[in-house]
Amino acid sequence: MVLMHIQLFFCFYRKIEIVQFASRTRQLFVRLLALVKWANNAGKVEKCAVSWQQSWVRNNLLVAWDFGTI
């Protein structure tokens, strides 16, 4: 009887360990997926940043020309 309780305890403990492992692994995969999606959009962000920078430079040149500093 005691042996059976010990076996059930270890079986239960093992199931808990498997569930915890699955949970940790899932969290890592979710983080990896988010990183991959972010990396796929990095080019779009870069294009947006370059476009914004060009617009900012043009605007500053226009303002400088307007005030006659160029």
PDB file of N, CA and C in Angstrom:
ATOM      1  N   MET A   1       0.810  -1.189   0.000  1.00  0.00           N
ATOM      2  CA  MET A   1       0.000   0.000   0.000  1.00  0.00           C
ATOM      3  C   MET A   1       0.861   1.264   0.000  1.00  0.00           C
ATOM      4  N   VAL A   2       1.875   1.300   0.832  1.00  0.00           N
ATOM      5  CA  VAL A   2       2.770   2.457   0.900  1.00  0.00           C
ATOM      6  C   VAL A   2       3.512   2.610  -0.417  1.00  0.00           C
ATOM      7  N   LEU A   3       3.941   1.489  -0.989  1.00  0.00           N
ATOM      8  CA  LEU A   3       4.642   1.520  -2.268  1.00  0.00           C
ATOM      9  C   LEU A   3       3.752   2.110  -3.359  1.00  0.00           C
ATOM     10  N   MET A   4       2.481   1.772  -3.331  1.00  0.00           N
ATOM     11  CA  MET A   4       1.542   2.277  -4.321  1.00  0.00           C
ATOM     12  C   MET A   4       1.388   3.797  -4.169  1.00  0.00           C
ATOM     13  N   HIS A   5       1.334   4.300  -2.949  1.00  0.00           N
ATOM     14  CA  HIS A   5       1.230   5.737  -2.705  1.00  0.00           C
ATOM     15  C   HIS A   5       2.485   6.463  -3.184  1.00  0.00           C
ATOM     16  N   ILE A   6       3.627   5.851  -2.973  1.00  0.00           N
ATOM     17  CA  ILE A   6       4.891   6.446  -3.426  1.00  0.00           C
ATOM     18  C   ILE A   6       4.913   6.518  -4.952  1.00  0.00           C
ATOM     19  N   GLN A   7       4.483   5.451  -5.603  1.00  0.00           N
ATOM     20  CA  GLN A   7       4.446   5.434  -7.064  1.00  0.00           C
ATOM     21  C   GLN A   7       3.477   6.484  -7.600  1.00  0.00           C
ATOM     22  N   LEU A   8       2.311   6.603  -6.966  1.00  0.00           N
ATOM     23  CA  LEU A   8       1.344   7.605  -7.396  1.00  0.00           C
ATOM     24  C   LEU A   8       1.889   9.020  -7.201  1.00  0.00           C
ATOM     25  N   PHE A   9       2.601   9.216  -6.082  1.00  0.00           N
ATOM     26  CA  PHE A   9       3.200  10.519  -5.821  1.00  0.00           C
ATOM     27  C   PHE A   9       4.211  10.871  -6.902  1.00  0.00           C
ATOM     28  N   PHE A  10       5.091   9.936  -7.250  1.00  0.00           N
ATOM     29  CA  PHE A  10       6.093  10.203  -8.277  1.00  0.00           C
ATOM     30  C   PHE A  10       5.450  10.380  -9.650  1.00  0.00           C
ATOM     31  N   CYS A  11       4.404   9.632  -9.911  1.00  0.00           N
ATOM     32  CA  CYS A  11       3.679   9.787 -11.169  1.00  0.00           C
ATOM     33  C   CYS A  11       3.048  11.174 -11.242  1.00  0.00           C
ATOM     34  N   PHE A  12       2.427  11.606 -10.159  1.00  0.00           N
ATOM     35  CA  PHE A  12       1.816  12.926 -10.096  1.00  0.00           C
ATOM     36  C   PHE A  12       2.889  14.016 -10.231  1.00  0.00           C
ATOM     37  N   TYR A  13       3.998  13.854  -9.529  1.00  0.00           N
ATOM     38  CA  TYR A  13       5.108  14.802  -9.579  1.00  0.00           C
ATOM     39  C   TYR A  13       5.656  14.897 -11.003  1.00  0.00           C
ATOM     40  N   ARG A  14       5.777  13.764 -11.652  1.00  0.00           N
ATOM     41  CA  ARG A  14       6.277  13.735 -13.039  1.00  0.00           C
ATOM     42  C   ARG A  14       5.314  14.474 -13.969  1.00  0.00           C
ATOM     43  N   LYS A  15       4.013  14.289 -13.772  1.00  0.00           N
ATOM     44  CA  LYS A  15       3.033  14.991 -14.600  1.00  0.00           C
ATOM     45  C   LYS A  15       3.134  16.499 -14.399  1.00  0.00           C
ATOM     46  N   ILE A  16       3.333  16.916 -13.164  1.00  0.00           N
ATOM     47  CA  ILE A  16       3.498  18.343 -12.880  1.00  0.00           C
ATOM     48  C   ILE A  16       4.741  18.872 -13.591  1.00  0.00           C
ATOM     49  N   GLU A  17       5.822  18.141 -13.544  1.00  0.00           N
ATOM     50  CA  GLU A  17       7.058  18.551 -14.218  1.00  0.00           C
ATOM     51  C   GLU A  17       6.858  18.657 -15.725  1.00  0.00           C
ATOM     52  N   ILE A  18       6.126  17.728 -16.305  1.00  0.00           N
ATOM     53  CA  ILE A  18       5.864  17.757 -17.750  1.00  0.00           C
ATOM     54  C   ILE A  18       5.037  18.986 -18.114  1.00  0.00           C
ATOM     55  N   VAL A  19       4.026  19.293 -17.327  1.00  0.00           N
ATOM     56  CA  VAL A  19       3.184  20.466 -17.585  1.00  0.00           C
ATOM     57  C   VAL A  19       4.005  21.751 -17.443  1.00  0.00           C
ATOM     58  N   GLN A  20       4.848  21.836 -16.441  1.00  0.00           N
ATOM     59  CA  GLN A  20       5.691  23.014 -16.257  1.00  0.00           C
ATOM     60  C   GLN A  20       6.672  23.165 -17.420  1.00  0.00           C
ATOM     61  N   PHE A  21       7.256  22.062 -17.866  1.00  0.00           N
ATOM     62  CA  PHE A  21       8.162  22.098 -19.013  1.00  0.00           C
ATOM     63  C   PHE A  21       7.423  22.586 -20.254  1.00  0.00           C
ATOM     64  N   ALA A  22       6.221  22.053 -20.485  1.00  0.00           N
ATOM     65  CA  ALA A  22       5.427  22.457 -21.652  1.00  0.00           C
ATOM     66  C   ALA A  22       5.092  23.944 -21.586  1.00  0.00           C
ATOM     67  N   SER A  23       4.777  24.432 -20.402  1.00  0.00           N
ATOM     68  CA  SER A  23       4.440  25.846 -20.236  1.00  0.00           C
ATOM     69  C   SER A  23       5.646  26.731 -20.530  1.00  0.00           C
ATOM     70  N   ARG A  24       6.801  26.371 -19.977  1.00  0.00           N
ATOM     71  CA  ARG A  24       8.024  27.154 -20.227  1.00  0.00           C
ATOM     72  C   ARG A  24       8.383  27.127 -21.711  1.00  0.00           C
ATOM     73  N   THR A  25       8.275  25.962 -22.328  1.00  0.00           N
ATOM     74  CA  THR A  25       8.604  25.824 -23.745  1.00  0.00           C
ATOM     75  C   THR A  25       7.656  26.668 -24.591  1.00  0.00           C
ATOM     76  N   ARG A  26       6.381  26.668 -24.248  1.00  0.00           N
ATOM     77  CA  ARG A  26       5.402  27.468 -24.984  1.00  0.00           C
ATOM     78  C   ARG A  26       5.740  28.950 -24.870  1.00  0.00           C
ATOM     79  N   GLN A  27       6.093  29.394 -23.666  1.00  0.00           N
ATOM     80  CA  GLN A  27       6.456  30.794 -23.476  1.00  0.00           C
ATOM     81  C   GLN A  27       7.661  31.171 -24.335  1.00  0.00           C
ATOM     82  N   LEU A  28       8.641  30.278 -24.411  1.00  0.00           N
ATOM     83  CA  LEU A  28       9.817  30.554 -25.239  1.00  0.00           C
ATOM     84  C   LEU A  28       9.448  30.634 -26.712  1.00  0.00           C
ATOM     85  N   PHE A  29       8.558  29.743 -27.167  1.00  0.00           N
ATOM     86  CA  PHE A  29       8.130  29.778 -28.559  1.00  0.00           C
ATOM     87  C   PHE A  29       7.341  31.045 -28.864  1.00  0.00           C
ATOM     88  N   VAL A  30       6.528  31.496 -27.930  1.00  0.00           N
ATOM     89  CA  VAL A  30       5.770  32.736 -28.132  1.00  0.00           C
ATOM     90  C   VAL A  30       6.734  33.911 -28.246  1.00  0.00           C
ATOM     91  N   ARG A  31       7.745  33.946 -27.392  1.00  0.00           N
ATOM     92  CA  ARG A  31       8.745  35.019 -27.467  1.00  0.00           C
ATOM     93  C   ARG A  31       9.512  34.960 -28.784  1.00  0.00           C
ATOM     94  N   LEU A  32       9.867  33.756 -29.201  1.00  0.00           N
ATOM     95  CA  LEU A  32      10.574  33.597 -30.467  1.00  0.00           C
ATOM     96  C   LEU A  32       9.706  34.044 -31.632  1.00  0.00           C
ATOM     97  N   LEU A  33       8.436  33.686 -31.614  1.00  0.00           N
ATOM     98  CA  LEU A  33       7.512  34.098 -32.667  1.00  0.00           C
ATOM     99  C   LEU A  33       7.400  35.619 -32.712  1.00  0.00           C
ATOM    100  N   ALA A  34       7.293  36.261 -31.561  1.00  0.00           N
ATOM    101  CA  ALA A  34       7.217  37.724 -31.519  1.00  0.00           C
ATOM    102  C   ALA A  34       8.490  38.347 -32.081  1.00  0.00           C
ATOM    103  N   LEU A  35       9.631  37.769 -31.759  1.00  0.00           N
ATOM    104  CA  LEU A  35      10.906  38.270 -32.269  1.00  0.00           C
ATOM    105  C   LEU A  35      10.992  38.120 -33.782  1.00  0.00           C
ATOM    106  N   VAL A  36      10.545  36.984 -34.303  1.00  0.00           N
ATOM    107  CA  VAL A  36      10.566  36.753 -35.749  1.00  0.00           C
ATOM    108  C   VAL A  36       9.637  37.730 -36.455  1.00  0.00           C
ATOM    109  N   LYS A  37       8.436  37.937 -35.908  1.00  0.00           N
ATOM    110  CA  LYS A  37       7.502  38.891 -36.521  1.00  0.00           C
ATOM    111  C   LYS A  37       8.074  40.296 -36.492  1.00  0.00           C
ATOM    112  N   TRP A  38       8.716  40.663 -35.390  1.00  0.00           N
ATOM    113  CA  TRP A  38       9.328  41.981 -35.300  1.00  0.00           C
ATOM    114  C   TRP A  38      10.440  42.124 -36.324  1.00  0.00           C
ATOM    115  N   ALA A  39      11.256  41.076 -36.470  1.00  0.00           N
ATOM    116  CA  ALA A  39      12.362  41.122 -37.427  1.00  0.00           C
ATOM    117  C   ALA A  39      11.843  41.249 -38.854  1.00  0.00           C
ATOM    118  N   ASN A  40      10.721  40.615 -39.157  1.00  0.00           N
ATOM    119  CA  ASN A  40      10.148  40.724 -40.500  1.00  0.00           C
ATOM    120  C   ASN A  40       9.680  42.139 -40.797  1.00  0.00           C
ATOM    121  N   ASN A  41       9.276  42.883 -39.771  1.00  0.00           N
ATOM    122  CA  ASN A  41       8.812  44.249 -39.953  1.00  0.00           C
ATOM    123  C   ASN A  41       9.922  45.279 -39.800  1.00  0.00           C
ATOM    124  N   ALA A  42      11.108  44.856 -39.458  1.00  0.00           N
ATOM    125  CA  ALA A  42      12.207  45.790 -39.226  1.00  0.00           C
ATOM    126  C   ALA A  42      12.524  46.589 -40.482  1.00  0.00           C
ATOM    127  N   GLY A  43      12.428  45.962 -41.653  1.00  0.00           N
ATOM    128  CA  GLY A  43      12.677  46.665 -42.907  1.00  0.00           C
ATOM    129  C   GLY A  43      11.667  47.776 -43.129  1.00  0.00           C
ATOM    130  N   LYS A  44      10.415  47.525 -42.807  1.00  0.00           N
ATOM    131  CA  LYS A  44       9.366  48.541 -42.952  1.00  0.00           C
ATOM    132  C   LYS A  44       9.627  49.708 -42.008  1.00  0.00           C
ATOM    133  N   VAL A  45      10.053  49.399 -40.799  1.00  0.00           N
ATOM    134  CA  VAL A  45      10.353  50.447 -39.822  1.00  0.00           C
ATOM    135  C   VAL A  45      11.528  51.283 -40.306  1.00  0.00           C
ATOM    136  N   GLU A  46      12.530  50.626 -40.865  1.00  0.00           N
ATOM    137  CA  GLU A  46      13.700  51.334 -41.386  1.00  0.00           C
ATOM    138  C   GLU A  46      13.296  52.272 -42.523  1.00  0.00           C
ATOM    139  N   LYS A  47      12.461  51.797 -43.446  1.00  0.00           N
ATOM    140  CA  LYS A  47      11.997  52.638 -44.556  1.00  0.00           C
ATOM    141  C   LYS A  47      11.231  53.843 -44.032  1.00  0.00           C
ATOM    142  N   CYS A  48      10.402  53.612 -43.035  1.00  0.00           N
ATOM    143  CA  CYS A  48       9.625  54.698 -42.437  1.00  0.00           C
ATOM    144  C   CYS A  48      10.557  55.720 -41.787  1.00  0.00           C
ATOM    145  N   ALA A  49      11.570  55.250 -41.083  1.00  0.00           N
ATOM    146  CA  ALA A  49      12.514  56.149 -40.418  1.00  0.00           C
ATOM    147  C   ALA A  49      13.292  56.973 -41.441  1.00  0.00           C
ATOM    148  N   VAL A  50      13.715  56.348 -42.522  1.00  0.00           N
ATOM    149  CA  VAL A  50      14.451  57.067 -43.568  1.00  0.00           C
ATOM    150  C   VAL A  50      13.556  58.108 -44.217  1.00  0.00           C
ATOM    151  N   SER A  51      12.320  57.735 -44.511  1.00  0.00           N
ATOM    152  CA  SER A  51      11.371  58.665 -45.118  1.00  0.00           C
ATOM    153  C   SER A  51      11.118  59.856 -44.201  1.00  0.00           C
ATOM    154  N   TRP A  52      10.938  59.585 -42.905  1.00  0.00           N
ATOM    155  CA  TRP A  52      10.708  60.653 -41.943  1.00  0.00           C
ATOM    156  C   TRP A  52      11.920  61.584 -41.871  1.00  0.00           C
ATOM    157  N   GLN A  53      13.117  61.002 -41.876  1.00  0.00           N
ATOM    158  CA  GLN A  53      14.333  61.798 -41.799  1.00  0.00           C
ATOM    159  C   GLN A  53      14.470  62.693 -43.036  1.00  0.00           C
ATOM    160  N   GLN A  54      14.177  62.139 -44.202  1.00  0.00           N
ATOM    161  CA  GLN A  54      14.251  62.939 -45.424  1.00  0.00           C
ATOM    162  C   GLN A  54      13.245  64.078 -45.382  1.00  0.00           C
ATOM    163  N   SER A  55      12.041  63.809 -44.917  1.00  0.00           N
ATOM    164  CA  SER A  55      11.022  64.851 -44.805  1.00  0.00           C
ATOM    165  C   SER A  55      11.452  65.926 -43.819  1.00  0.00           C
ATOM    166  N   TRP A  56      12.055  65.528 -42.734  1.00  0.00           N
ATOM    167  CA  TRP A  56      12.510  66.472 -41.725  1.00  0.00           C
ATOM    168  C   TRP A  56      13.596  67.379 -42.293  1.00  0.00           C
ATOM    169  N   VAL A  57      14.537  66.791 -43.044  1.00  0.00           N
ATOM    170  CA  VAL A  57      15.618  67.576 -43.647  1.00  0.00           C
ATOM    171  C   VAL A  57      15.042  68.565 -44.655  1.00  0.00           C
ATOM    172  N   ARG A  58      14.125  68.085 -45.517  1.00  0.00           N
ATOM    173  CA  ARG A  58      13.502  68.980 -46.507  1.00  0.00           C
ATOM    174  C   ARG A  58      12.759  70.118 -45.821  1.00  0.00           C
ATOM    175  N   ASN A  59      12.050  69.790 -44.761  1.00  0.00           N
ATOM    176  CA  ASN A  59      11.304  70.819 -44.037  1.00  0.00           C
ATOM    177  C   ASN A  59      12.244  71.862 -43.439  1.00  0.00           C
ATOM    178  N   ASN A  60      13.333  71.405 -42.849  1.00  0.00           N
ATOM    179  CA  ASN A  60      14.286  72.345 -42.263  1.00  0.00           C
ATOM    180  C   ASN A  60      14.961  73.194 -43.332  1.00  0.00           C
ATOM    181  N   LEU A  61      15.238  72.610 -44.485  1.00  0.00           N
ATOM    182  CA  LEU A  61      15.810  73.399 -45.576  1.00  0.00           C
ATOM    183  C   LEU A  61      14.820  74.447 -46.064  1.00  0.00           C
ATOM    184  N   LEU A  62      13.560  74.060 -46.168  1.00  0.00           N
ATOM    185  CA  LEU A  62      12.521  74.986 -46.609  1.00  0.00           C
ATOM    186  C   LEU A  62      12.370  76.147 -45.612  1.00  0.00           C
ATOM    187  N   VAL A  63      12.380  75.833 -44.322  1.00  0.00           N
ATOM    188  CA  VAL A  63      12.267  76.873 -43.297  1.00  0.00           C
ATOM    189  C   VAL A  63      13.492  77.784 -43.347  1.00  0.00           C
ATOM    190  N   ALA A  64      14.664  77.204 -43.501  1.00  0.00           N
ATOM    191  CA  ALA A  64      15.888  78.009 -43.570  1.00  0.00           C
ATOM    192  C   ALA A  64      15.869  78.902 -44.810  1.00  0.00           C
ATOM    193  N   TRP A  65      15.397  78.388 -45.939  1.00  0.00           N
ATOM    194  CA  TRP A  65      15.312  79.168 -47.180  1.00  0.00           C
ATOM    195  C   TRP A  65      14.290  80.283 -47.023  1.00  0.00           C
ATOM    196  N   ASP A  66      13.194  79.990 -46.314  1.00  0.00           N
ATOM    197  CA  ASP A  66      12.139  80.964 -46.092  1.00  0.00           C
ATOM    198  C   ASP A  66      12.664  82.169 -45.297  1.00  0.00           C
ATOM    199  N   PHE A  67      13.512  81.906 -44.334  1.00  0.00           N
ATOM    200  CA  PHE A  67      14.062  82.990 -43.505  1.00  0.00           C
ATOM    201  C   PHE A  67      15.326  83.584 -44.096  1.00  0.00           C
ATOM    202  N   GLY A  68      15.761  83.093 -45.235  1.00  0.00           N
ATOM    203  CA  GLY A  68      16.904  83.652 -45.920  1.00  0.00           C
ATOM    204  C   GLY A  68      18.244  83.309 -45.280  1.00  0.00           C
ATOM    205  N   THR A  69      18.292  82.210 -44.540  1.00  0.00           N
ATOM    206  CA  THR A  69      19.563  81.836 -43.922  1.00  0.00           C
ATOM    207  C   THR A  69      20.408  80.953 -44.831  1.00  0.00           C
ATOM    208  N   ILE A  70      19.840  80.554 -45.965  1.00  0.00           N
ATOM    209  CA  ILE A  70      20.634  79.743 -46.905  1.00  0.00           C
ATOM    210  C   ILE A  70      21.040  80.618 -48.054  1.00  0.00           C
TER     211      ILE A  70
END
